[in-house]
Amino acid sequence: METFVQAALQNGFSVVVAAFLLLRMERELRGLREAIDRLRYCQSCRFAPLVREDGEGR
């Protein structure tokens, strides 16, 4: 029983750390995607308003 608890704690810790890092990285990736979309917009059409995927303009 002790080895089972120890193995669960070791594997559980790895899963929690990976989940934490993925959640933090998701915000950064979203910002990067928005920056890339802005750059794409700048190259193709400078005079039209930028409209995001959710329909709101900037």
N, C-alpha and C. Protein backbone atom coordinates (compact mmCIF):
# COMPACT_ATOMS: atom_id res chain seq x y z
N MET A 1 0.82 -1.20 0.00
CA MET A 1 0.00 0.00 0.00
C MET A 1 0.87 1.26 0.00
N GLU A 2 1.96 1.21 0.74
CA GLU A 2 2.86 2.36 0.80
C GLU A 2 3.48 2.67 -0.55
N THR A 3 3.86 1.63 -1.29
CA THR A 3 4.46 1.85 -2.61
C THR A 3 3.44 2.43 -3.59
N PHE A 4 2.18 2.03 -3.45
CA PHE A 4 1.13 2.57 -4.30
C PHE A 4 0.95 4.07 -4.04
N VAL A 5 0.92 4.46 -2.81
CA VAL A 5 0.76 5.88 -2.45
C VAL A 5 1.97 6.67 -2.94
N GLN A 6 3.14 6.13 -2.76
CA GLN A 6 4.36 6.82 -3.19
C GLN A 6 4.36 6.99 -4.72
N ALA A 7 3.99 5.94 -5.45
CA ALA A 7 3.94 6.04 -6.92
C ALA A 7 2.88 7.04 -7.37
N ALA A 8 1.73 7.05 -6.70
CA ALA A 8 0.68 8.01 -7.05
C ALA A 8 1.14 9.44 -6.80
N LEU A 9 1.85 9.68 -5.73
CA LEU A 9 2.34 11.02 -5.43
C LEU A 9 3.39 11.47 -6.44
N GLN A 10 4.28 10.57 -6.80
CA GLN A 10 5.33 10.93 -7.77
C GLN A 10 4.72 11.24 -9.13
N ASN A 11 3.82 10.40 -9.62
CA ASN A 11 3.20 10.62 -10.92
C ASN A 11 2.22 11.79 -10.87
N GLY A 12 1.50 11.93 -9.79
CA GLY A 12 0.55 13.02 -9.65
C GLY A 12 1.23 14.38 -9.67
N PHE A 13 2.37 14.47 -9.03
CA PHE A 13 3.13 15.73 -9.02
C PHE A 13 3.53 16.12 -10.44
N SER A 14 3.98 15.17 -11.22
CA SER A 14 4.38 15.45 -12.61
C SER A 14 3.19 15.93 -13.42
N VAL A 15 2.05 15.33 -13.23
CA VAL A 15 0.85 15.72 -13.97
C VAL A 15 0.42 17.14 -13.57
N VAL A 16 0.47 17.44 -12.29
CA VAL A 16 0.08 18.78 -11.81
C VAL A 16 1.03 19.84 -12.36
N VAL A 17 2.32 19.58 -12.35
CA VAL A 17 3.28 20.54 -12.87
C VAL A 17 3.07 20.75 -14.37
N ALA A 18 2.85 19.68 -15.12
CA ALA A 18 2.61 19.80 -16.56
C ALA A 18 1.34 20.59 -16.84
N ALA A 19 0.28 20.34 -16.10
CA ALA A 19 -0.97 21.07 -16.29
C ALA A 19 -0.78 22.56 -15.98
N PHE A 20 -0.08 22.86 -14.91
CA PHE A 20 0.18 24.25 -14.54
C PHE A 20 0.94 24.97 -15.66
N LEU A 21 1.97 24.33 -16.18
CA LEU A 21 2.77 24.96 -17.24
C LEU A 21 1.96 25.14 -18.52
N LEU A 22 1.12 24.17 -18.86
CA LEU A 22 0.29 24.29 -20.06
C LEU A 22 -0.71 25.43 -19.92
N LEU A 23 -1.30 25.59 -18.75
CA LEU A 23 -2.26 26.67 -18.55
C LEU A 23 -1.58 28.04 -18.63
N ARG A 24 -0.40 28.16 -18.08
CA ARG A 24 0.32 29.43 -18.17
C ARG A 24 0.74 29.72 -19.61
N MET A 25 1.17 28.69 -20.32
CA MET A 25 1.63 28.87 -21.68
C MET A 25 0.47 29.19 -22.62
N GLU A 26 -0.73 28.73 -22.30
CA GLU A 26 -1.88 29.00 -23.15
C GLU A 26 -2.12 30.50 -23.31
N ARG A 27 -2.00 31.26 -22.22
CA ARG A 27 -2.20 32.70 -22.27
C ARG A 27 -1.15 33.35 -23.17
N GLU A 28 0.08 32.90 -23.05
CA GLU A 28 1.16 33.47 -23.87
C GLU A 28 0.96 33.13 -25.35
N LEU A 29 0.51 31.91 -25.63
CA LEU A 29 0.28 31.52 -27.02
C LEU A 29 -0.87 32.31 -27.63
N ARG A 30 -1.89 32.60 -26.83
CA ARG A 30 -3.02 33.41 -27.32
C ARG A 30 -2.53 34.81 -27.69
N GLY A 31 -1.70 35.39 -26.85
CA GLY A 31 -1.14 36.71 -27.16
C GLY A 31 -0.27 36.69 -28.40
N LEU A 32 0.50 35.63 -28.55
CA LEU A 32 1.35 35.49 -29.73
C LEU A 32 0.51 35.37 -31.00
N ARG A 33 -0.57 34.60 -30.91
CA ARG A 33 -1.46 34.44 -32.07
C ARG A 33 -2.10 35.76 -32.46
N GLU A 34 -2.51 36.56 -31.47
CA GLU A 34 -3.08 37.87 -31.76
C GLU A 34 -2.05 38.79 -32.40
N ALA A 35 -0.81 38.73 -31.93
CA ALA A 35 0.24 39.56 -32.52
C ALA A 35 0.51 39.15 -33.97
N ILE A 36 0.50 37.87 -34.25
CA ILE A 36 0.71 37.39 -35.62
C ILE A 36 -0.44 37.83 -36.51
N ASP A 37 -1.68 37.76 -35.99
CA ASP A 37 -2.83 38.22 -36.76
C ASP A 37 -2.72 39.71 -37.07
N ARG A 38 -2.24 40.50 -36.12
CA ARG A 38 -2.06 41.93 -36.37
C ARG A 38 -1.01 42.17 -37.45
N LEU A 39 0.07 41.40 -37.40
CA LEU A 39 1.10 41.55 -38.43
C LEU A 39 0.56 41.16 -39.80
N ARG A 40 -0.23 40.11 -39.87
CA ARG A 40 -0.82 39.69 -41.13
C ARG A 40 -1.75 40.78 -41.65
N TYR A 41 -2.51 41.39 -40.75
CA TYR A 41 -3.41 42.48 -41.12
C TYR A 41 -2.61 43.66 -41.67
N CYS A 42 -1.52 43.99 -41.05
CA CYS A 42 -0.71 45.12 -41.50
C CYS A 42 -0.15 44.90 -42.90
N GLN A 43 0.13 43.68 -43.26
CA GLN A 43 0.69 43.40 -44.58
C GLN A 43 -0.37 43.41 -45.67
N SER A 44 -1.62 43.08 -45.34
CA SER A 44 -2.60 42.91 -46.40
C SER A 44 -3.48 44.12 -46.62
N CYS A 45 -3.98 44.77 -45.57
CA CYS A 45 -4.94 45.86 -45.75
C CYS A 45 -4.80 46.86 -44.61
N ARG A 46 -4.24 48.01 -44.89
CA ARG A 46 -3.96 48.98 -43.84
C ARG A 46 -5.16 49.87 -43.51
N PHE A 47 -6.13 50.00 -44.39
CA PHE A 47 -7.19 50.98 -44.19
C PHE A 47 -8.48 50.39 -43.64
N ALA A 48 -8.67 49.11 -43.68
CA ALA A 48 -9.87 48.48 -43.14
C ALA A 48 -9.68 48.24 -41.65
N PRO A 49 -10.76 48.33 -40.86
CA PRO A 49 -10.63 48.07 -39.42
C PRO A 49 -10.33 46.60 -39.15
N LEU A 50 -9.52 46.37 -38.15
CA LEU A 50 -9.18 45.01 -37.76
C LEU A 50 -10.34 44.43 -36.97
N VAL A 51 -10.84 43.26 -37.39
CA VAL A 51 -11.94 42.59 -36.71
C VAL A 51 -11.43 41.26 -36.20
N ARG A 52 -11.60 41.04 -34.88
CA ARG A 52 -11.16 39.78 -34.28
C ARG A 52 -12.17 38.68 -34.58
N GLU A 53 -11.81 37.46 -34.21
CA GLU A 53 -12.67 36.30 -34.45
C GLU A 53 -14.00 36.41 -33.73
N ASP A 54 -14.03 37.08 -32.58
CA ASP A 54 -15.27 37.20 -31.83
C ASP A 54 -16.15 38.33 -32.36
N GLY A 55 -15.72 39.00 -33.42
CA GLY A 55 -16.53 40.01 -34.08
C GLY A 55 -16.31 41.42 -33.60
N GLU A 56 -15.51 41.62 -32.57
CA GLU A 56 -15.26 42.95 -32.06
C GLU A 56 -14.11 43.59 -32.82
N GLY A 57 -14.26 44.84 -33.15
CA GLY A 57 -13.20 45.56 -33.86
C GLY A 57 -12.28 46.26 -32.89
N ARG A 58 -11.13 46.68 -33.39
CA ARG A 58 -10.18 47.41 -32.54
C ARG A 58 -9.92 48.75 -33.15
